[in-house]
């Protein structure tokens, strides 16, 4: 069942603050300290379904009222941006006193860990792709974003700077899942489709 945007809009427009019954209910609720906003939204949605609209589904709020930030998708790009910025500063501002005092040491520290950083970045990029793929089974699905991320993964597989790290991750996943795919041959078909998708980007 899809999201009923009309009912979600009605929920968002409902005057909780001005509703005496809701305020009385809220006074008897103890919200956790960890994430009170999410907990409050959950309490609101359950109360709203019970009291206002029995046909309202709290699951509709996933990805709508709660806007998934997907900030984890930015992590690989931020890592690469740090290295690009450090390289730029080393090339154009190496004589600056601040660079000589602090920047040069930080740049050397980054260079010593560059391969590990690129490897972890590849792992995170691929993990992000599978995360978005799994979200297709939830109300918070983002099919367009998922397709964009997998398109980037396909390009990264063949790019000069990222290919070696991405292929190492894919090879590790292939070895890790080989036994499982052997026991369940039906899973090999979507894997083959994925391989064909990646191979199609090769020029």
N, C-alpha and C. Protein backbone atom coordinates (compact mmCIF):
# COMPACT_ATOMS: atom_id res chain seq x y z
N UNK A 1 0.84 -1.19 0.00
CA UNK A 1 0.00 0.00 0.00
C UNK A 1 0.87 1.24 0.00
N UNK A 2 0.59 2.18 -0.90
CA UNK A 2 1.39 3.38 -1.01
C UNK A 2 1.04 4.39 0.06
N UNK A 3 1.83 5.46 0.09
CA UNK A 3 1.62 6.52 1.06
C UNK A 3 0.43 7.38 0.63
N UNK A 4 -0.49 7.61 1.53
CA UNK A 4 -1.62 8.50 1.27
C UNK A 4 -1.17 9.92 1.63
N UNK A 5 -0.76 10.67 0.64
CA UNK A 5 -0.19 12.00 0.89
C UNK A 5 -1.22 12.94 1.49
N UNK A 6 -2.50 12.73 1.15
CA UNK A 6 -3.55 13.57 1.72
C UNK A 6 -3.66 13.41 3.22
N UNK A 7 -3.61 12.16 3.67
CA UNK A 7 -3.70 11.89 5.10
C UNK A 7 -2.43 12.35 5.83
N UNK A 8 -1.29 12.21 5.16
CA UNK A 8 -0.05 12.69 5.77
C UNK A 8 -0.09 14.21 5.91
N UNK A 9 -0.62 14.90 4.89
CA UNK A 9 -0.75 16.36 4.96
C UNK A 9 -1.70 16.77 6.08
N UNK A 10 -2.79 16.00 6.24
CA UNK A 10 -3.74 16.30 7.32
C UNK A 10 -3.08 16.11 8.68
N UNK A 11 -2.25 15.09 8.80
CA UNK A 11 -1.52 14.87 10.05
C UNK A 11 -0.59 16.04 10.35
N UNK A 12 0.12 16.50 9.33
CA UNK A 12 1.07 17.59 9.52
C UNK A 12 0.35 18.89 9.87
N UNK A 13 -0.87 19.04 9.34
CA UNK A 13 -1.62 20.28 9.58
C UNK A 13 -2.43 20.24 10.88
N UNK A 14 -2.52 19.08 11.50
CA UNK A 14 -3.34 18.95 12.71
C UNK A 14 -2.76 19.80 13.84
N UNK A 15 -3.64 20.50 14.55
CA UNK A 15 -3.23 21.38 15.64
C UNK A 15 -3.08 20.59 16.94
N UNK A 16 -1.92 19.96 17.08
CA UNK A 16 -1.68 19.18 18.30
C UNK A 16 -1.61 20.10 19.52
N UNK A 17 -0.94 21.24 19.36
CA UNK A 17 -0.76 22.14 20.50
C UNK A 17 -2.09 22.65 21.04
N UNK A 18 -3.08 22.82 20.15
CA UNK A 18 -4.36 23.35 20.59
C UNK A 18 -5.38 22.29 20.95
N UNK A 19 -4.99 21.04 20.92
CA UNK A 19 -5.92 19.95 21.21
C UNK A 19 -5.77 19.54 22.68
N UNK A 20 -6.81 19.73 23.46
CA UNK A 20 -6.74 19.45 24.90
C UNK A 20 -6.54 17.96 25.18
N UNK A 21 -7.20 17.12 24.38
CA UNK A 21 -7.08 15.68 24.60
C UNK A 21 -5.65 15.21 24.36
N UNK A 22 -5.02 15.75 23.31
CA UNK A 22 -3.63 15.39 23.03
C UNK A 22 -2.70 15.88 24.14
N UNK A 23 -2.91 17.11 24.59
CA UNK A 23 -2.06 17.66 25.64
C UNK A 23 -2.20 16.87 26.94
N UNK A 24 -3.41 16.41 27.23
CA UNK A 24 -3.61 15.59 28.42
C UNK A 24 -2.89 14.26 28.28
N UNK A 25 -2.93 13.70 27.08
CA UNK A 25 -2.24 12.43 26.82
C UNK A 25 -0.73 12.61 26.94
N UNK A 26 -0.24 13.73 26.40
CA UNK A 26 1.21 13.96 26.38
C UNK A 26 1.77 14.12 27.79
N UNK A 27 0.97 14.66 28.70
CA UNK A 27 1.44 14.86 30.07
C UNK A 27 1.74 13.53 30.77
N UNK A 28 1.16 12.46 30.28
CA UNK A 28 1.37 11.14 30.87
C UNK A 28 2.42 10.32 30.13
N UNK A 29 3.09 10.96 29.18
CA UNK A 29 4.10 10.26 28.37
C UNK A 29 5.49 10.75 28.76
N UNK A 30 6.40 9.83 28.98
CA UNK A 30 7.79 10.16 29.29
C UNK A 30 8.64 9.85 28.06
N UNK A 31 9.18 10.89 27.45
CA UNK A 31 9.97 10.71 26.23
C UNK A 31 11.42 10.39 26.59
N UNK A 32 12.06 9.52 25.83
CA UNK A 32 13.47 9.19 26.10
C UNK A 32 14.38 10.37 25.82
N UNK A 33 15.51 10.39 26.49
CA UNK A 33 16.44 11.51 26.34
C UNK A 33 17.25 11.43 25.05
N UNK A 34 17.41 10.23 24.51
CA UNK A 34 18.28 10.05 23.35
C UNK A 34 17.83 10.79 22.12
N UNK A 35 16.58 10.57 21.72
CA UNK A 35 16.07 11.20 20.50
C UNK A 35 14.62 11.59 20.73
N UNK A 36 14.37 12.64 21.52
CA UNK A 36 13.00 12.97 21.92
C UNK A 36 12.12 13.38 20.75
N UNK A 37 12.68 14.01 19.72
CA UNK A 37 11.87 14.46 18.58
C UNK A 37 11.26 13.27 17.84
N UNK A 38 12.08 12.26 17.58
CA UNK A 38 11.58 11.07 16.89
C UNK A 38 10.57 10.33 17.76
N UNK A 39 10.85 10.28 19.07
CA UNK A 39 9.92 9.61 19.98
C UNK A 39 8.59 10.35 20.04
N UNK A 40 8.65 11.67 20.06
CA UNK A 40 7.42 12.47 20.11
C UNK A 40 6.60 12.26 18.85
N UNK A 41 7.26 12.20 17.71
CA UNK A 41 6.55 11.97 16.45
C UNK A 41 5.87 10.61 16.45
N UNK A 42 6.54 9.62 17.00
CA UNK A 42 5.97 8.28 17.08
C UNK A 42 4.73 8.26 17.98
N UNK A 43 4.82 8.96 19.11
CA UNK A 43 3.68 9.04 20.02
C UNK A 43 2.53 9.78 19.35
N UNK A 44 2.86 10.86 18.67
CA UNK A 44 1.83 11.63 17.97
C UNK A 44 1.10 10.79 16.94
N UNK A 45 1.86 10.05 16.14
CA UNK A 45 1.25 9.28 15.06
C UNK A 45 0.33 8.19 15.60
N UNK A 46 0.75 7.54 16.69
CA UNK A 46 -0.09 6.48 17.28
C UNK A 46 -1.36 7.07 17.88
N UNK A 47 -1.21 8.20 18.59
CA UNK A 47 -2.38 8.85 19.17
C UNK A 47 -3.32 9.35 18.08
N UNK A 48 -2.78 9.89 17.02
CA UNK A 48 -3.57 10.42 15.92
C UNK A 48 -4.38 9.30 15.26
N UNK A 49 -3.73 8.14 15.07
CA UNK A 49 -4.43 7.01 14.47
C UNK A 49 -5.57 6.52 15.37
N UNK A 50 -5.31 6.47 16.66
CA UNK A 50 -6.30 5.96 17.61
C UNK A 50 -7.45 6.93 17.83
N UNK A 51 -7.13 8.22 17.82
CA UNK A 51 -8.12 9.22 18.24
C UNK A 51 -8.75 9.99 17.08
N UNK A 52 -7.98 10.27 16.04
CA UNK A 52 -8.45 11.17 14.97
C UNK A 52 -8.81 10.41 13.70
N UNK A 53 -7.86 9.60 13.20
CA UNK A 53 -8.07 8.94 11.91
C UNK A 53 -7.62 7.48 12.00
N UNK A 54 -8.56 6.55 12.16
CA UNK A 54 -8.19 5.12 12.27
C UNK A 54 -7.51 4.57 11.02
N UNK A 55 -7.72 5.24 9.89
CA UNK A 55 -7.13 4.76 8.64
C UNK A 55 -5.71 5.28 8.42
N UNK A 56 -5.25 6.13 9.32
CA UNK A 56 -3.91 6.68 9.19
C UNK A 56 -2.88 5.61 9.54
N UNK A 57 -1.82 5.54 8.74
CA UNK A 57 -0.75 4.56 8.97
C UNK A 57 0.52 5.30 9.39
N UNK A 58 0.99 5.12 10.63
CA UNK A 58 2.22 5.80 11.08
C UNK A 58 3.43 5.52 10.19
N UNK A 59 3.41 4.38 9.50
CA UNK A 59 4.54 4.06 8.62
C UNK A 59 4.67 5.04 7.47
N UNK A 60 3.58 5.74 7.16
CA UNK A 60 3.64 6.72 6.07
C UNK A 60 4.59 7.87 6.40
N UNK A 61 4.88 8.06 7.66
CA UNK A 61 5.73 9.18 8.05
C UNK A 61 7.18 8.95 7.68
N UNK A 62 7.57 7.72 7.47
CA UNK A 62 8.95 7.40 7.12
C UNK A 62 9.27 7.99 5.77
N UNK A 63 10.25 8.90 5.75
CA UNK A 63 10.67 9.51 4.49
C UNK A 63 9.79 10.66 4.05
N UNK A 64 8.72 10.98 4.84
CA UNK A 64 7.88 12.12 4.46
C UNK A 64 7.94 13.18 5.55
N UNK A 65 7.23 12.91 6.67
CA UNK A 65 7.34 13.84 7.79
C UNK A 65 8.77 13.85 8.31
N UNK A 66 9.35 12.67 8.44
CA UNK A 66 10.77 12.59 8.78
C UNK A 66 11.54 12.56 7.48
N UNK A 67 12.19 13.62 7.16
CA UNK A 67 12.95 13.68 5.93
C UNK A 67 14.31 13.05 6.15
N UNK A 68 14.55 11.91 5.53
CA UNK A 68 15.82 11.24 5.71
C UNK A 68 16.93 12.11 5.12
N UNK A 69 17.91 12.48 5.90
CA UNK A 69 18.94 13.37 5.38
C UNK A 69 19.92 12.68 4.44
N UNK A 70 20.11 11.37 4.60
CA UNK A 70 21.05 10.63 3.77
C UNK A 70 22.43 11.28 3.80
N UNK A 71 22.80 11.86 4.93
CA UNK A 71 24.10 12.53 5.02
C UNK A 71 25.25 11.54 4.89
N UNK A 72 24.99 10.27 5.17
CA UNK A 72 26.07 9.28 5.06
C UNK A 72 26.57 9.15 3.62
N UNK A 73 25.74 9.56 2.65
CA UNK A 73 26.17 9.51 1.26
C UNK A 73 27.29 10.51 0.97
N UNK A 74 27.40 11.52 1.81
CA UNK A 74 28.39 12.57 1.59
C UNK A 74 29.77 12.20 2.13
N UNK A 75 29.84 11.20 2.99
CA UNK A 75 31.11 10.87 3.65
C UNK A 75 32.24 10.61 2.65
N UNK A 76 32.05 9.75 1.63
CA UNK A 76 33.15 9.52 0.67
C UNK A 76 33.58 10.79 -0.05
N UNK A 77 32.62 11.63 -0.41
CA UNK A 77 32.96 12.86 -1.13
C UNK A 77 33.72 13.83 -0.22
N UNK A 78 33.37 13.85 1.07
CA UNK A 78 34.08 14.72 2.00
C UNK A 78 35.52 14.27 2.18
N UNK A 79 35.73 12.96 2.25
CA UNK A 79 37.09 12.44 2.38
C UNK A 79 37.93 12.83 1.18
N UNK A 80 37.38 12.64 -0.01
CA UNK A 80 38.11 12.99 -1.23
C UNK A 80 38.34 14.49 -1.31
N UNK A 81 37.35 15.27 -0.86
CA UNK A 81 37.49 16.73 -0.90
C UNK A 81 38.62 17.20 0.02
N UNK A 82 38.78 16.55 1.17
CA UNK A 82 39.86 16.90 2.09
C UNK A 82 41.21 16.69 1.43
N UNK A 83 41.36 15.56 0.74
CA UNK A 83 42.63 15.29 0.07
C UNK A 83 42.88 16.27 -1.07
N UNK A 84 41.84 16.60 -1.82
CA UNK A 84 42.01 17.55 -2.92
C UNK A 84 42.38 18.93 -2.38
N UNK A 85 41.73 19.34 -1.31
CA UNK A 85 42.03 20.64 -0.72
C UNK A 85 43.46 20.68 -0.18
N UNK A 86 43.86 19.61 0.49
CA UNK A 86 45.22 19.57 1.03
C UNK A 86 46.25 19.62 -0.09
N UNK A 87 45.99 18.92 -1.18
CA UNK A 87 46.91 18.95 -2.33
C UNK A 87 46.99 20.35 -2.92
N UNK A 88 45.83 21.00 -3.05
CA UNK A 88 45.79 22.36 -3.61
C UNK A 88 46.59 23.33 -2.74
N UNK A 89 46.41 23.25 -1.43
CA UNK A 89 47.13 24.14 -0.53
C UNK A 89 48.63 23.88 -0.56
N UNK A 90 49.00 22.62 -0.69
CA UNK A 90 50.43 22.29 -0.73
C UNK A 90 51.09 22.82 -1.99
N UNK A 91 50.32 22.90 -3.08
CA UNK A 91 50.85 23.37 -4.35
C UNK A 91 50.91 24.89 -4.44
N UNK A 92 49.95 25.57 -3.81
CA UNK A 92 49.81 27.01 -4.03
C UNK A 92 50.11 27.86 -2.80
N UNK A 93 50.19 27.25 -1.63
CA UNK A 93 50.41 28.04 -0.42
C UNK A 93 51.47 27.42 0.48
N UNK A 94 52.40 26.72 -0.12
CA UNK A 94 53.41 26.01 0.69
C UNK A 94 54.35 26.96 1.43
N UNK A 95 54.45 28.21 0.94
CA UNK A 95 55.34 29.17 1.59
C UNK A 95 54.67 29.96 2.71
N UNK A 96 53.37 29.77 2.86
CA UNK A 96 52.65 30.52 3.90
C UNK A 96 53.06 30.01 5.29
N UNK A 97 53.26 30.92 6.24
CA UNK A 97 53.69 30.49 7.59
C UNK A 97 52.73 29.49 8.25
N UNK A 98 51.42 29.70 8.08
CA UNK A 98 50.47 28.78 8.69
C UNK A 98 50.58 27.38 8.09
N UNK A 99 50.83 27.34 6.79
CA UNK A 99 50.99 26.03 6.14
C UNK A 99 52.27 25.35 6.64
N UNK A 100 53.33 26.10 6.72
CA UNK A 100 54.60 25.52 7.17
C UNK A 100 54.53 25.07 8.63
N UNK A 101 53.74 25.79 9.42
CA UNK A 101 53.66 25.46 10.84
C UNK A 101 52.69 24.31 11.13
N UNK A 102 51.55 24.30 10.42
CA UNK A 102 50.52 23.31 10.72
C UNK A 102 50.14 22.46 9.51
N UNK A 103 49.95 23.10 8.36
CA UNK A 103 49.42 22.41 7.19
C UNK A 103 50.31 21.32 6.66
N UNK A 104 51.63 21.57 6.61
CA UNK A 104 52.55 20.58 6.04
C UNK A 104 52.52 19.28 6.83
N UNK A 105 52.47 19.39 8.15
CA UNK A 105 52.42 18.18 8.98
C UNK A 105 51.12 17.42 8.76
N UNK A 106 50.02 18.18 8.69
CA UNK A 106 48.72 17.53 8.46
C UNK A 106 48.69 16.86 7.09
N UNK A 107 49.29 17.51 6.10
CA UNK A 107 49.31 16.94 4.74
C UNK A 107 50.12 15.66 4.71
N UNK A 108 51.24 15.63 5.39
CA UNK A 108 52.05 14.42 5.44
C UNK A 108 51.29 13.30 6.15
N UNK A 109 50.56 13.67 7.19
CA UNK A 109 49.76 12.67 7.91
C UNK A 109 48.70 12.08 6.99
N UNK A 110 48.07 12.94 6.18
CA UNK A 110 47.07 12.47 5.23
C UNK A 110 47.68 11.57 4.16
N UNK A 111 48.85 11.97 3.66
CA UNK A 111 49.49 11.18 2.61
C UNK A 111 49.87 9.79 3.11
N UNK A 112 50.31 9.70 4.35
CA UNK A 112 50.68 8.41 4.91
C UNK A 112 49.50 7.46 5.03
N UNK A 113 48.31 8.01 5.08
CA UNK A 113 47.10 7.20 5.26
C UNK A 113 46.18 7.24 4.04
N UNK A 114 46.70 7.69 2.93
CA UNK A 114 45.86 7.90 1.75
C UNK A 114 45.27 6.59 1.24
N UNK A 115 46.08 5.55 1.12
CA UNK A 115 45.57 4.29 0.58
C UNK A 115 44.50 3.68 1.49
N UNK A 116 44.72 3.76 2.79
CA UNK A 116 43.71 3.25 3.72
C UNK A 116 42.43 4.06 3.62
N UNK A 117 42.58 5.39 3.47
CA UNK A 117 41.40 6.25 3.36
C UNK A 117 40.62 5.96 2.10
N UNK A 118 41.32 5.75 0.99
CA UNK A 118 40.64 5.45 -0.27
C UNK A 118 39.96 4.09 -0.22
N UNK A 119 40.57 3.14 0.48
CA UNK A 119 39.97 1.82 0.60
C UNK A 119 38.69 1.88 1.43
N UNK A 120 38.75 2.60 2.56
CA UNK A 120 37.56 2.75 3.39
C UNK A 120 36.48 3.53 2.64
N UNK A 121 36.89 4.53 1.88
CA UNK A 121 35.94 5.31 1.09
C UNK A 121 35.20 4.42 0.09
N UNK A 122 35.94 3.52 -0.57
CA UNK A 122 35.30 2.59 -1.51
C UNK A 122 34.32 1.68 -0.79
N UNK A 123 34.69 1.21 0.39
CA UNK A 123 33.80 0.36 1.17
C UNK A 123 32.52 1.10 1.54
N UNK A 124 32.65 2.35 1.96
CA UNK A 124 31.48 3.14 2.35
C UNK A 124 30.60 3.42 1.14
N UNK A 125 31.19 3.74 0.00
CA UNK A 125 30.42 4.01 -1.21
C UNK A 125 29.56 2.80 -1.59
N UNK A 126 30.17 1.63 -1.56
CA UNK A 126 29.45 0.41 -1.94
C UNK A 126 28.40 0.06 -0.89
N UNK A 127 28.73 0.25 0.38
CA UNK A 127 27.75 0.02 1.44
C UNK A 127 26.54 0.94 1.28
N UNK A 128 26.80 2.20 0.90
CA UNK A 128 25.70 3.14 0.67
C UNK A 128 24.77 2.65 -0.44
N UNK A 129 25.36 2.08 -1.49
CA UNK A 129 24.54 1.55 -2.58
C UNK A 129 23.62 0.44 -2.12
N UNK A 130 24.14 -0.48 -1.31
CA UNK A 130 23.32 -1.58 -0.81
C UNK A 130 22.29 -1.10 0.21
N UNK A 131 22.64 -0.06 0.97
CA UNK A 131 21.68 0.50 1.92
C UNK A 131 20.47 1.07 1.19
N UNK A 132 20.71 1.84 0.14
CA UNK A 132 19.61 2.40 -0.64
C UNK A 132 18.81 1.32 -1.35
N UNK A 133 19.49 0.24 -1.74
CA UNK A 133 18.81 -0.87 -2.37
C UNK A 133 17.85 -1.54 -1.38
N UNK A 134 18.31 -1.72 -0.15
CA UNK A 134 17.47 -2.33 0.88
C UNK A 134 16.29 -1.43 1.23
N UNK A 135 16.48 -0.12 1.16
CA UNK A 135 15.41 0.81 1.49
C UNK A 135 14.25 0.75 0.50
N UNK A 136 14.47 0.13 -0.66
CA UNK A 136 13.37 -0.03 -1.61
C UNK A 136 12.24 -0.88 -1.03
N UNK A 137 12.56 -1.65 -0.02
CA UNK A 137 11.56 -2.51 0.62
C UNK A 137 10.80 -1.78 1.74
N UNK A 138 11.12 -0.51 1.95
CA UNK A 138 10.51 0.26 3.04
C UNK A 138 9.75 1.45 2.48
N UNK A 139 8.89 2.06 3.30
CA UNK A 139 8.19 3.27 2.85
C UNK A 139 9.12 4.44 2.58
N UNK A 140 10.34 4.39 3.12
CA UNK A 140 11.30 5.46 2.90
C UNK A 140 12.15 5.28 1.67
N UNK A 141 11.68 4.48 0.73
CA UNK A 141 12.46 4.20 -0.48
C UNK A 141 12.77 5.48 -1.26
N UNK A 142 13.94 5.48 -1.89
CA UNK A 142 14.39 6.60 -2.72
C UNK A 142 14.93 6.03 -4.03
N UNK A 143 14.05 5.61 -4.95
CA UNK A 143 14.51 4.92 -6.16
C UNK A 143 15.41 5.77 -7.05
N UNK A 144 15.10 7.06 -7.19
CA UNK A 144 15.92 7.91 -8.05
C UNK A 144 17.32 8.07 -7.46
N UNK A 145 17.38 8.32 -6.16
CA UNK A 145 18.67 8.45 -5.49
C UNK A 145 19.45 7.14 -5.57
N UNK A 146 18.74 6.03 -5.41
CA UNK A 146 19.40 4.73 -5.49
C UNK A 146 20.03 4.52 -6.87
N UNK A 147 19.29 4.86 -7.92
CA UNK A 147 19.82 4.70 -9.28
C UNK A 147 21.03 5.59 -9.52
N UNK A 148 20.98 6.80 -8.98
CA UNK A 148 22.10 7.72 -9.14
C UNK A 148 23.35 7.18 -8.46
N UNK A 149 23.18 6.66 -7.25
CA UNK A 149 24.33 6.14 -6.50
C UNK A 149 24.93 4.93 -7.20
N UNK A 150 24.09 4.05 -7.73
CA UNK A 150 24.61 2.88 -8.43
C UNK A 150 25.26 3.25 -9.76
N UNK A 151 24.78 4.31 -10.38
CA UNK A 151 25.43 4.79 -11.59
C UNK A 151 26.84 5.30 -11.26
N UNK A 152 26.96 6.00 -10.14
CA UNK A 152 28.27 6.48 -9.70
C UNK A 152 29.18 5.29 -9.37
N UNK A 153 28.64 4.27 -8.72
CA UNK A 153 29.45 3.09 -8.42
C UNK A 153 29.96 2.42 -9.68
N UNK A 154 29.12 2.38 -10.69
CA UNK A 154 29.54 1.77 -11.96
C UNK A 154 30.69 2.57 -12.58
N UNK A 155 30.59 3.89 -12.52
CA UNK A 155 31.65 4.73 -13.08
C UNK A 155 32.92 4.64 -12.26
N UNK A 156 32.76 4.56 -10.94
CA UNK A 156 33.93 4.46 -10.07
C UNK A 156 34.68 3.14 -10.28
N UNK A 157 33.93 2.11 -10.65
CA UNK A 157 34.55 0.80 -10.90
C UNK A 157 35.57 0.87 -12.03
N UNK A 158 35.33 1.78 -12.98
CA UNK A 158 36.20 1.89 -14.14
C UNK A 158 37.09 3.14 -14.10
N UNK A 159 36.93 3.99 -13.10
CA UNK A 159 37.72 5.22 -13.06
C UNK A 159 39.17 4.92 -12.68
N UNK A 160 40.07 5.76 -13.14
CA UNK A 160 41.50 5.53 -12.92
C UNK A 160 41.85 5.62 -11.44
N UNK A 161 41.28 6.59 -10.73
CA UNK A 161 41.69 6.81 -9.36
C UNK A 161 41.04 5.87 -8.36
N UNK A 162 39.86 5.33 -8.68
CA UNK A 162 39.11 4.54 -7.70
C UNK A 162 38.99 3.06 -8.05
N UNK A 163 39.31 2.68 -9.28
CA UNK A 163 39.05 1.32 -9.74
C UNK A 163 39.71 0.27 -8.85
N UNK A 164 40.97 0.45 -8.51
CA UNK A 164 41.69 -0.58 -7.76
C UNK A 164 41.04 -0.84 -6.40
N UNK A 165 40.59 0.20 -5.74
CA UNK A 165 39.99 0.05 -4.42
C UNK A 165 38.58 -0.53 -4.51
N UNK A 166 37.81 -0.06 -5.48
CA UNK A 166 36.46 -0.58 -5.65
C UNK A 166 36.49 -2.05 -6.04
N UNK A 167 37.40 -2.43 -6.91
CA UNK A 167 37.46 -3.83 -7.34
C UNK A 167 37.90 -4.74 -6.19
N UNK A 168 38.74 -4.24 -5.32
CA UNK A 168 39.13 -5.05 -4.16
C UNK A 168 37.94 -5.31 -3.26
N UNK A 169 37.09 -4.30 -3.09
CA UNK A 169 35.90 -4.48 -2.26
C UNK A 169 34.94 -5.47 -2.92
N UNK A 170 34.73 -5.33 -4.23
CA UNK A 170 33.82 -6.24 -4.93
C UNK A 170 34.35 -7.67 -4.91
N UNK A 171 35.65 -7.83 -5.04
CA UNK A 171 36.23 -9.17 -4.98
C UNK A 171 36.05 -9.78 -3.59
N UNK A 172 36.19 -8.98 -2.57
CA UNK A 172 35.99 -9.47 -1.20
C UNK A 172 34.54 -9.88 -0.99
N UNK A 173 33.60 -9.09 -1.53
CA UNK A 173 32.18 -9.44 -1.41
C UNK A 173 31.88 -10.71 -2.19
N UNK A 174 32.51 -10.87 -3.34
CA UNK A 174 32.30 -12.08 -4.14
C UNK A 174 32.74 -13.32 -3.37
N UNK A 175 33.91 -13.23 -2.74
CA UNK A 175 34.41 -14.36 -1.96
C UNK A 175 33.55 -14.61 -0.72
N UNK A 176 33.09 -13.52 -0.11
CA UNK A 176 32.30 -13.65 1.11
C UNK A 176 30.95 -14.31 0.86
N UNK A 177 30.36 -14.04 -0.30
CA UNK A 177 29.02 -14.55 -0.60
C UNK A 177 29.02 -15.78 -1.51
N UNK A 178 30.19 -16.25 -1.89
CA UNK A 178 30.27 -17.37 -2.84
C UNK A 178 29.55 -18.61 -2.32
N UNK A 179 29.81 -18.97 -1.06
CA UNK A 179 29.17 -20.16 -0.50
C UNK A 179 27.66 -20.01 -0.40
N UNK A 180 27.21 -18.82 -0.03
CA UNK A 180 25.77 -18.57 0.08
C UNK A 180 25.10 -18.67 -1.28
N UNK A 181 25.75 -18.13 -2.29
CA UNK A 181 25.17 -18.19 -3.65
C UNK A 181 25.22 -19.61 -4.21
N UNK A 182 26.18 -20.39 -3.74
CA UNK A 182 26.25 -21.78 -4.18
C UNK A 182 25.07 -22.58 -3.62
N UNK A 183 24.71 -22.28 -2.36
CA UNK A 183 23.58 -22.99 -1.74
C UNK A 183 22.24 -22.50 -2.27
N UNK A 184 22.20 -21.26 -2.73
CA UNK A 184 20.96 -20.68 -3.27
C UNK A 184 21.23 -20.11 -4.65
N UNK A 185 21.27 -20.99 -5.66
CA UNK A 185 21.64 -20.56 -7.02
C UNK A 185 20.75 -19.47 -7.59
N UNK A 186 19.53 -19.34 -7.08
CA UNK A 186 18.62 -18.32 -7.61
C UNK A 186 19.18 -16.91 -7.41
N UNK A 187 20.04 -16.76 -6.40
CA UNK A 187 20.63 -15.45 -6.13
C UNK A 187 21.69 -15.06 -7.16
N UNK A 188 22.15 -16.04 -7.93
CA UNK A 188 23.20 -15.74 -8.90
C UNK A 188 22.66 -14.89 -10.06
N UNK A 189 21.37 -15.02 -10.34
CA UNK A 189 20.81 -14.26 -11.46
C UNK A 189 20.89 -12.75 -11.25
N UNK A 190 20.43 -12.22 -10.10
CA UNK A 190 20.58 -10.77 -9.90
C UNK A 190 22.05 -10.34 -9.84
N UNK A 191 22.92 -11.24 -9.35
CA UNK A 191 24.35 -10.91 -9.34
C UNK A 191 24.86 -10.77 -10.77
N UNK A 192 24.46 -11.69 -11.63
CA UNK A 192 24.87 -11.62 -13.03
C UNK A 192 24.34 -10.35 -13.71
N UNK A 193 23.12 -9.96 -13.34
CA UNK A 193 22.56 -8.72 -13.89
C UNK A 193 23.38 -7.52 -13.44
N UNK A 194 23.82 -7.54 -12.18
CA UNK A 194 24.65 -6.46 -11.68
C UNK A 194 26.00 -6.39 -12.38
N UNK A 195 26.60 -7.57 -12.62
CA UNK A 195 27.87 -7.62 -13.34
C UNK A 195 27.71 -7.06 -14.75
N UNK A 196 26.62 -7.44 -15.42
CA UNK A 196 26.36 -6.93 -16.77
C UNK A 196 26.18 -5.41 -16.76
N UNK A 197 25.52 -4.90 -15.71
CA UNK A 197 25.32 -3.45 -15.58
C UNK A 197 26.65 -2.73 -15.46
N UNK A 198 27.55 -3.29 -14.66
CA UNK A 198 28.87 -2.66 -14.49
C UNK A 198 29.71 -2.79 -15.77
N UNK A 199 29.64 -3.95 -16.41
CA UNK A 199 30.43 -4.16 -17.61
C UNK A 199 30.01 -3.26 -18.76
N UNK A 200 28.73 -2.88 -18.75
CA UNK A 200 28.22 -2.04 -19.84
C UNK A 200 28.82 -0.65 -19.84
N UNK A 201 29.44 -0.25 -18.73
CA UNK A 201 30.06 1.08 -18.66
C UNK A 201 31.46 1.10 -19.25
N UNK A 202 31.98 -0.08 -19.56
CA UNK A 202 33.34 -0.15 -20.08
C UNK A 202 33.36 0.31 -21.53
N UNK A 203 34.24 1.21 -21.82
CA UNK A 203 34.35 1.75 -23.18
C UNK A 203 35.60 1.19 -23.85
